[in-house]
């Protein structure tokens, strides 16, 4: 899988960081997730916010089995990945009713007779990782011939209040699930901003709170999707 980060604000890790710039964390987190699930990541680096630079970088990745980009799929003036996707390939859908991770694009690029699937992940670090788990991970596993690619879903008791008021999107809050006396309990990993990478790094599960639920109170039972699961093998090729 080829991995490309986009944005003028990004800098490589290790460089001196001037005001207004941020380090590119998505290349590392996405590459680590690809490797975790059995793929081979190939980093393409950072593409600045020009069509010419973005097209050149994308073409470098068209010999891969899949292209994953991060950022450039929202509604900003410089969010041009989706525009390049339309011009250079085709786009099948854009935006998903989920939080975090609404700006997500899927389409195809062509290289000769080959068709290369492309998933445009959001730019915020947590949004990128959650979107990877829900969209890129199943696609990669299916391309590898896996048939049992679903993450386990369990019912857990919320240990604290979880608020998603006035936001009609499915809410995937980052949480830690523990087992106590034969029941599962879910606690949030702390503040849930989509730029707080530690909220995802500390999680072993995601809440799956429906679009029509504004508030989960302590003691309510919710569905959680386990990210780390020790009770048996997660995937098979059978």
C-alpha atoms as a PDB file:
ATOM      1  CA  UNK A   1       0.000   0.000   0.000  1.00  0.00           C
ATOM      2  CA  UNK A   2       1.366   3.397  -0.969  1.00  0.00           C
ATOM      3  CA  UNK A   3       0.904   6.065   1.720  1.00  0.00           C
ATOM      4  CA  UNK A   4       0.863   9.797   0.957  1.00  0.00           C
ATOM      5  CA  UNK A   5       0.318  12.771   3.270  1.00  0.00           C
ATOM      6  CA  UNK A   6      -0.794  16.087   1.801  1.00  0.00           C
ATOM      7  CA  UNK A   7      -0.626  19.703   2.947  1.00  0.00           C
ATOM      8  CA  UNK A   8       1.689  22.713   2.938  1.00  0.00           C
ATOM      9  CA  UNK A   9       1.597  22.773   6.737  1.00  0.00           C
ATOM     10  CA  UNK A  10       3.299  19.384   7.105  1.00  0.00           C
ATOM     11  CA  UNK A  11       6.957  18.782   7.881  1.00  0.00           C
ATOM     12  CA  UNK A  12       8.975  15.605   8.232  1.00  0.00           C
ATOM     13  CA  UNK A  13       9.649  14.382  11.754  1.00  0.00           C
ATOM     14  CA  UNK A  14      13.040  15.597  12.955  1.00  0.00           C
ATOM     15  CA  UNK A  15      13.017  18.912  11.108  1.00  0.00           C
ATOM     16  CA  UNK A  16      12.912  22.175  13.016  1.00  0.00           C
ATOM     17  CA  UNK A  17       9.262  23.150  13.346  1.00  0.00           C
ATOM     18  CA  UNK A  18       8.515  26.820  12.554  1.00  0.00           C
ATOM     19  CA  UNK A  19       5.284  28.564  13.664  1.00  0.00           C
ATOM     20  CA  UNK A  20       2.198  27.413  11.788  1.00  0.00           C
ATOM     21  CA  UNK A  21       3.635  24.049  10.774  1.00  0.00           C
ATOM     22  CA  UNK A  22       2.977  20.566  12.159  1.00  0.00           C
ATOM     23  CA  UNK A  23       4.751  17.245  11.942  1.00  0.00           C
ATOM     24  CA  UNK A  24       3.410  14.574   9.613  1.00  0.00           C
ATOM     25  CA  UNK A  25       2.135  11.920  12.023  1.00  0.00           C
ATOM     26  CA  UNK A  26      -0.310  10.275   9.615  1.00  0.00           C
ATOM     27  CA  UNK A  27       2.379   8.655   7.451  1.00  0.00           C
ATOM     28  CA  UNK A  28       3.660   6.805  10.501  1.00  0.00           C
ATOM     29  CA  UNK A  29       0.338   5.837  12.051  1.00  0.00           C
ATOM     30  CA  UNK A  30      -1.178   4.683   8.753  1.00  0.00           C
ATOM     31  CA  UNK A  31       1.970   2.763   7.783  1.00  0.00           C
ATOM     32  CA  UNK A  32       1.985   1.065  11.198  1.00  0.00           C
ATOM     33  CA  UNK A  33      -1.655   0.035  10.793  1.00  0.00           C
ATOM     34  CA  UNK A  34      -1.004  -1.361   7.312  1.00  0.00           C
ATOM     35  CA  UNK A  35       1.882  -3.403   8.683  1.00  0.00           C
ATOM     36  CA  UNK A  36      -0.169  -4.580  11.645  1.00  0.00           C
ATOM     37  CA  UNK A  37      -2.764  -6.115   9.356  1.00  0.00           C
ATOM     38  CA  UNK A  38      -0.255  -7.860   7.109  1.00  0.00           C
ATOM     39  CA  UNK A  39       0.289  -5.289   4.361  1.00  0.00           C
ATOM     40  CA  UNK A  40       3.515  -3.715   3.180  1.00  0.00           C
ATOM     41  CA  UNK A  41       3.489   0.089   3.452  1.00  0.00           C
ATOM     42  CA  UNK A  42       5.460   2.293   1.077  1.00  0.00           C
ATOM     43  CA  UNK A  43       5.812   5.912   2.133  1.00  0.00           C
ATOM     44  CA  UNK A  44       5.547   8.498  -0.653  1.00  0.00           C
ATOM     45  CA  UNK A  45       6.302  11.413   1.669  1.00  0.00           C
ATOM     46  CA  UNK A  46       4.440  14.716   1.672  1.00  0.00           C
ATOM     47  CA  UNK A  47       2.714  16.410  -1.262  1.00  0.00           C
ATOM     48  CA  UNK A  48       2.336  20.186  -0.986  1.00  0.00           C
ATOM     49  CA  UNK A  49      -0.943  21.879  -1.871  1.00  0.00           C
ATOM     50  CA  UNK A  50      -0.532  22.200  -5.609  1.00  0.00           C
ATOM     51  CA  UNK A  51      -2.263  20.069  -8.209  1.00  0.00           C
ATOM     52  CA  UNK A  52       1.024  19.443 -10.028  1.00  0.00           C
ATOM     53  CA  UNK A  53       2.838  18.194  -6.925  1.00  0.00           C
ATOM     54  CA  UNK A  54      -0.095  16.050  -5.845  1.00  0.00           C
ATOM     55  CA  UNK A  55      -0.487  14.437  -9.267  1.00  0.00           C
ATOM     56  CA  UNK A  56       3.245  13.699  -9.425  1.00  0.00           C
ATOM     57  CA  UNK A  57       3.226  12.033  -6.010  1.00  0.00           C
ATOM     58  CA  UNK A  58       0.079  10.029  -6.770  1.00  0.00           C
ATOM     59  CA  UNK A  59       1.599   8.727  -9.985  1.00  0.00           C
ATOM     60  CA  UNK A  60       4.594   7.494  -7.999  1.00  0.00           C
ATOM     61  CA  UNK A  61       2.213   5.261  -6.060  1.00  0.00           C
ATOM     62  CA  UNK A  62       0.260   3.743  -8.932  1.00  0.00           C
ATOM     63  CA  UNK A  63       2.354   0.582  -8.966  1.00  0.00           C
ATOM     64  CA  UNK A  64       0.988  -0.315  -5.506  1.00  0.00           C
ATOM     65  CA  UNK A  65      -2.081  -2.452  -4.839  1.00  0.00           C
ATOM     66  CA  UNK A  66      -3.792   0.440  -3.031  1.00  0.00           C
ATOM     67  CA  UNK A  67      -3.156   4.141  -2.535  1.00  0.00           C
ATOM     68  CA  UNK A  68      -3.938   5.761   0.817  1.00  0.00           C
ATOM     69  CA  UNK A  69      -3.766   9.535   1.139  1.00  0.00           C
ATOM     70  CA  UNK A  70      -4.475  11.684   4.165  1.00  0.00           C
ATOM     71  CA  UNK A  71      -6.013  15.190   4.166  1.00  0.00           C
ATOM     72  CA  UNK A  72      -7.225  17.102   1.138  1.00  0.00           C
ATOM     73  CA  UNK A  73     -10.714  15.563   1.109  1.00  0.00           C
ATOM     74  CA  UNK A  74     -12.625  18.195   3.082  1.00  0.00           C
ATOM     75  CA  UNK A  75     -14.233  21.438   1.806  1.00  0.00           C
ATOM     76  CA  UNK A  76     -11.319  23.876   2.117  1.00  0.00           C
ATOM     77  CA  UNK A  77      -9.782  25.849  -0.748  1.00  0.00           C
ATOM     78  CA  UNK A  78      -6.671  23.669  -0.607  1.00  0.00           C
ATOM     79  CA  UNK A  79      -8.447  20.330  -0.160  1.00  0.00           C
ATOM     80  CA  UNK A  80      -7.776  19.134  -3.668  1.00  0.00           C
ATOM     81  CA  UNK A  81      -7.277  15.369  -3.412  1.00  0.00           C
ATOM     82  CA  UNK A  82     -10.892  14.716  -4.382  1.00  0.00           C
ATOM     83  CA  UNK A  83     -10.566  17.095  -7.354  1.00  0.00           C
ATOM     84  CA  UNK A  84      -7.463  15.275  -8.579  1.00  0.00           C
ATOM     85  CA  UNK A  85      -9.268  11.976  -8.065  1.00  0.00           C
ATOM     86  CA  UNK A  86     -12.058  13.127 -10.356  1.00  0.00           C
ATOM     87  CA  UNK A  87      -9.621  14.440 -12.951  1.00  0.00           C
ATOM     88  CA  UNK A  88      -7.123  11.573 -12.912  1.00  0.00           C
ATOM     89  CA  UNK A  89      -9.446   8.707 -12.012  1.00  0.00           C
ATOM     90  CA  UNK A  90     -12.965   8.305 -10.692  1.00  0.00           C
ATOM     91  CA  UNK A  91     -14.683   8.910  -7.385  1.00  0.00           C
ATOM     92  CA  UNK A  92     -17.357   6.595  -6.008  1.00  0.00           C
ATOM     93  CA  UNK A  93     -18.288   8.349  -2.780  1.00  0.00           C
ATOM     94  CA  UNK A  94     -17.254  11.279  -0.627  1.00  0.00           C
ATOM     95  CA  UNK A  95     -18.098  12.040   3.033  1.00  0.00           C
ATOM     96  CA  UNK A  96     -19.501   9.578   5.555  1.00  0.00           C
ATOM     97  CA  UNK A  97     -21.958  10.215   8.410  1.00  0.00           C
ATOM     98  CA  UNK A  98     -19.497   9.305  11.154  1.00  0.00           C
ATOM     99  CA  UNK A  99     -17.587  11.116  13.899  1.00  0.00           C
ATOM    100  CA  UNK A 100     -14.663  11.432  13.730  1.00  0.00           C
ATOM    101  CA  UNK A 101     -13.907  10.989  10.046  1.00  0.00           C
ATOM    102  CA  UNK A 102     -16.658  12.614   7.983  1.00  0.00           C
ATOM    103  CA  UNK A 103     -14.381  13.771   5.110  1.00  0.00           C
ATOM    104  CA  UNK A 104     -13.451  10.497   3.435  1.00  0.00           C
ATOM    105  CA  UNK A 105     -13.232   9.703  -0.272  1.00  0.00           C
ATOM    106  CA  UNK A 106     -13.053   6.480  -2.245  1.00  0.00           C
ATOM    107  CA  UNK A 107     -12.330   5.986  -5.911  1.00  0.00           C
ATOM    108  CA  UNK A 108      -9.996   4.451  -8.481  1.00  0.00           C
ATOM    109  CA  UNK A 109      -6.948   5.504 -10.430  1.00  0.00           C
ATOM    110  CA  UNK A 110      -5.927   3.811 -13.664  1.00  0.00           C
ATOM    111  CA  UNK A 111      -2.422   2.890 -14.775  1.00  0.00           C
ATOM    112  CA  UNK A 112      -2.511   1.110 -18.132  1.00  0.00           C
ATOM    113  CA  UNK A 113      -4.852  -1.823 -17.675  1.00  0.00           C
ATOM    114  CA  UNK A 114      -4.593  -1.701 -13.879  1.00  0.00           C
ATOM    115  CA  UNK A 115      -7.208  -0.143 -11.606  1.00  0.00           C
ATOM    116  CA  UNK A 116      -5.767   1.033  -8.294  1.00  0.00           C
ATOM    117  CA  UNK A 117      -8.229   1.631  -5.437  1.00  0.00           C
ATOM    118  CA  UNK A 118      -7.727   4.870  -3.543  1.00  0.00           C
ATOM    119  CA  UNK A 119      -8.975   5.788  -0.095  1.00  0.00           C
ATOM    120  CA  UNK A 120      -8.661   9.438   0.860  1.00  0.00           C
ATOM    121  CA  UNK A 121      -8.431   9.554   4.649  1.00  0.00           C
ATOM    122  CA  UNK A 122      -9.136  12.712   6.674  1.00  0.00           C
ATOM    123  CA  UNK A 123      -6.220  14.854   7.791  1.00  0.00           C
ATOM    124  CA  UNK A 124      -6.799  14.938  11.548  1.00  0.00           C
ATOM    125  CA  UNK A 125      -4.725  12.135  13.134  1.00  0.00           C
ATOM    126  CA  UNK A 126      -7.555  10.437  15.043  1.00  0.00           C
ATOM    127  CA  UNK A 127      -9.988  10.780  12.131  1.00  0.00           C
ATOM    128  CA  UNK A 128      -7.395   9.216   9.847  1.00  0.00           C
ATOM    129  CA  UNK A 129      -6.841   6.202  12.116  1.00  0.00           C
ATOM    130  CA  UNK A 130     -10.544   5.614  12.838  1.00  0.00           C
ATOM    131  CA  UNK A 131     -11.357   5.852   9.126  1.00  0.00           C
ATOM    132  CA  UNK A 132      -8.550   3.420   8.380  1.00  0.00           C
ATOM    133  CA  UNK A 133      -9.981   0.874  10.830  1.00  0.00           C
ATOM    134  CA  UNK A 134     -13.483   1.150   9.370  1.00  0.00           C
ATOM    135  CA  UNK A 135     -12.695   1.368   5.646  1.00  0.00           C
ATOM    136  CA  UNK A 136      -9.075   0.691   4.691  1.00  0.00           C
ATOM    137  CA  UNK A 137      -8.479  -2.266   7.011  1.00  0.00           C
ATOM    138  CA  UNK A 138     -11.432  -4.325   5.695  1.00  0.00           C
ATOM    139  CA  UNK A 139     -10.439  -3.529   2.097  1.00  0.00           C
ATOM    140  CA  UNK A 140      -6.812  -4.550   2.653  1.00  0.00           C
ATOM    141  CA  UNK A 141      -7.789  -7.782   4.413  1.00  0.00           C
ATOM    142  CA  UNK A 142     -10.270  -8.726   1.680  1.00  0.00           C
ATOM    143  CA  UNK A 143      -7.643  -8.019  -0.995  1.00  0.00           C
ATOM    144  CA  UNK A 144      -5.361 -10.423   0.906  1.00  0.00           C
ATOM    145  CA  UNK A 145      -7.988 -13.153   0.714  1.00  0.00           C
ATOM    146  CA  UNK A 146      -9.214 -12.907   4.299  1.00  0.00           C
ATOM    147  CA  UNK A 147     -12.849 -13.795   4.897  1.00  0.00           C
ATOM    148  CA  UNK A 148     -13.286 -13.177   8.620  1.00  0.00           C
ATOM    149  CA  UNK A 149     -12.225  -9.528   8.655  1.00  0.00           C
ATOM    150  CA  UNK A 150     -14.835  -8.045  10.987  1.00  0.00           C
ATOM    151  CA  UNK A 151     -13.717  -6.657  14.337  1.00  0.00           C
ATOM    152  CA  UNK A 152     -15.560  -8.158  17.339  1.00  0.00           C
ATOM    153  CA  UNK A 153     -18.567  -6.195  18.600  1.00  0.00           C
ATOM    154  CA  UNK A 154     -19.514  -6.570  22.266  1.00  0.00           C
ATOM    155  CA  UNK A 155     -21.949  -4.908  24.638  1.00  0.00           C
ATOM    156  CA  UNK A 156     -20.357  -2.885  27.403  1.00  0.00           C
ATOM    157  CA  UNK A 157     -21.573  -0.717  30.284  1.00  0.00           C
ATOM    158  CA  UNK A 158     -20.544   2.934  30.016  1.00  0.00           C
ATOM    159  CA  UNK A 159     -18.601   4.084  33.067  1.00  0.00           C
ATOM    160  CA  UNK A 160     -19.040   7.773  32.304  1.00  0.00           C
ATOM    161  CA  UNK A 161     -21.192  10.217  30.372  1.00  0.00           C
ATOM    162  CA  UNK A 162     -20.629  10.286  26.598  1.00  0.00           C
ATOM    163  CA  UNK A 163     -22.115  13.270  24.775  1.00  0.00           C
ATOM    164  CA  UNK A 164     -22.798  13.555  21.053  1.00  0.00           C
ATOM    165  CA  UNK A 165     -25.601  16.103  21.200  1.00  0.00           C
ATOM    166  CA  UNK A 166     -26.887  17.785  17.995  1.00  0.00           C
ATOM    167  CA  UNK A 167     -24.550  15.812  15.752  1.00  0.00           C
ATOM    168  CA  UNK A 168     -26.442  13.300  13.588  1.00  0.00           C
ATOM    169  CA  UNK A 169     -23.435  11.077  12.923  1.00  0.00           C
ATOM    170  CA  UNK A 170     -22.467   7.671  14.282  1.00  0.00           C
ATOM    171  CA  UNK A 171     -19.994   8.327  17.092  1.00  0.00           C
ATOM    172  CA  UNK A 172     -16.823   6.290  17.423  1.00  0.00           C
ATOM    173  CA  UNK A 173     -15.378   7.573  20.702  1.00  0.00           C
ATOM    174  CA  UNK A 174     -12.081   6.059  21.800  1.00  0.00           C
ATOM    175  CA  UNK A 175     -12.395   3.935  24.893  1.00  0.00           C
ATOM    176  CA  UNK A 176     -10.768   1.322  27.090  1.00  0.00           C
ATOM    177  CA  UNK A 177     -12.865  -1.799  27.632  1.00  0.00           C
ATOM    178  CA  UNK A 178     -12.249  -3.993  30.662  1.00  0.00           C
ATOM    179  CA  UNK A 179     -13.946  -7.149  31.920  1.00  0.00           C
ATOM    180  CA  UNK A 180     -15.253  -7.255  35.475  1.00  0.00           C
ATOM    181  CA  UNK A 181     -17.311 -10.107  36.934  1.00  0.00           C
ATOM    182  CA  UNK A 182     -18.245 -11.403  33.508  1.00  0.00           C
ATOM    183  CA  UNK A 183     -19.350  -8.021  32.115  1.00  0.00           C
ATOM    184  CA  UNK A 184     -17.581  -5.516  29.907  1.00  0.00           C
ATOM    185  CA  UNK A 185     -17.150  -1.862  30.924  1.00  0.00           C
ATOM    186  CA  UNK A 186     -16.112   1.057  28.712  1.00  0.00           C
ATOM    187  CA  UNK A 187     -14.221   4.180  29.845  1.00  0.00           C
ATOM    188  CA  UNK A 188     -13.206   7.015  27.554  1.00  0.00           C
ATOM    189  CA  UNK A 189      -9.480   7.532  26.966  1.00  0.00           C
ATOM    190  CA  UNK A 190      -9.749  11.202  27.924  1.00  0.00           C
ATOM    191  CA  UNK A 191     -10.534  14.245  25.765  1.00  0.00           C
ATOM    192  CA  UNK A 192     -11.920  13.127  22.403  1.00  0.00           C
ATOM    193  CA  UNK A 193     -10.753  15.831  19.999  1.00  0.00           C
ATOM    194  CA  UNK A 194      -9.842  14.486  16.560  1.00  0.00           C
ATOM    195  CA  UNK A 195      -6.372  15.998  16.859  1.00  0.00           C
ATOM    196  CA  UNK A 196      -5.561  14.228  20.139  1.00  0.00           C
ATOM    197  CA  UNK A 197      -3.546  11.268  18.920  1.00  0.00           C
ATOM    198  CA  UNK A 198      -3.068   9.903  22.440  1.00  0.00           C
ATOM    199  CA  UNK A 199      -6.829   9.252  22.653  1.00  0.00           C
ATOM    200  CA  UNK A 200      -6.436   6.668  19.897  1.00  0.00           C
ATOM    201  CA  UNK A 201      -3.084   5.320  21.034  1.00  0.00           C
ATOM    202  CA  UNK A 202      -4.533   4.473  24.470  1.00  0.00           C
ATOM    203  CA  UNK A 203      -7.738   2.863  23.145  1.00  0.00           C
ATOM    204  CA  UNK A 204      -8.476  -0.813  22.786  1.00  0.00           C
ATOM    205  CA  UNK A 205     -11.987  -0.202  21.420  1.00  0.00           C
ATOM    206  CA  UNK A 206     -14.317   2.290  19.762  1.00  0.00           C
ATOM    207  CA  UNK A 207     -17.853   3.057  20.871  1.00  0.00           C
ATOM    208  CA  UNK A 208     -20.539   2.540  18.236  1.00  0.00           C
ATOM    209  CA  UNK A 209     -23.129   5.101  19.300  1.00  0.00           C
ATOM    210  CA  UNK A 210     -26.057   5.428  16.862  1.00  0.00           C
ATOM    211  CA  UNK A 211     -26.858   8.638  15.050  1.00  0.00           C
ATOM    212  CA  UNK A 212     -30.053   9.261  17.035  1.00  0.00           C
ATOM    213  CA  UNK A 213     -28.435   8.995  20.490  1.00  0.00           C
ATOM    214  CA  UNK A 214     -27.393  12.361  21.929  1.00  0.00           C
ATOM    215  CA  UNK A 215     -26.171  11.271  25.366  1.00  0.00           C
ATOM    216  CA  UNK A 216     -25.050   8.019  26.957  1.00  0.00           C
ATOM    217  CA  UNK A 217     -25.339   8.084  30.739  1.00  0.00           C
ATOM    218  CA  UNK A 218     -23.169   6.096  33.173  1.00  0.00           C
ATOM    219  CA  UNK A 219     -24.648   2.620  33.493  1.00  0.00           C
ATOM    220  CA  UNK A 220     -26.129   2.596  29.983  1.00  0.00           C
ATOM    221  CA  UNK A 221     -25.179  -0.359  27.823  1.00  0.00           C
ATOM    222  CA  UNK A 222     -23.569   0.418  24.481  1.00  0.00           C
ATOM    223  CA  UNK A 223     -21.976  -1.458  21.597  1.00  0.00           C
ATOM    224  CA  UNK A 224     -18.197  -1.257  21.292  1.00  0.00           C
ATOM    225  CA  UNK A 225     -15.930  -2.416  18.476  1.00  0.00           C
ATOM    226  CA  UNK A 226     -12.811  -4.066  19.867  1.00  0.00           C
ATOM    227  CA  UNK A 227      -9.559  -2.912  18.293  1.00  0.00           C
ATOM    228  CA  UNK A 228      -7.417  -5.261  20.384  1.00  0.00           C
ATOM    229  CA  UNK A 229      -8.950  -8.622  21.152  1.00  0.00           C
ATOM    230  CA  UNK A 230      -7.184 -11.499  22.858  1.00  0.00           C
ATOM    231  CA  UNK A 231     -10.073 -13.964  22.885  1.00  0.00           C
ATOM    232  CA  UNK A 232      -9.273 -16.077  19.857  1.00  0.00           C
ATOM    233  CA  UNK A 233      -8.040 -15.369  16.357  1.00  0.00           C
ATOM    234  CA  UNK A 234      -9.536 -12.304  14.681  1.00  0.00           C
ATOM    235  CA  UNK A 235      -9.142 -13.200  11.022  1.00  0.00           C
ATOM    236  CA  UNK A 236      -8.875 -16.309   8.895  1.00  0.00           C
ATOM    237  CA  UNK A 237      -8.431 -17.226   5.243  1.00  0.00           C
ATOM    238  CA  UNK A 238     -10.947 -20.055   5.328  1.00  0.00           C
END
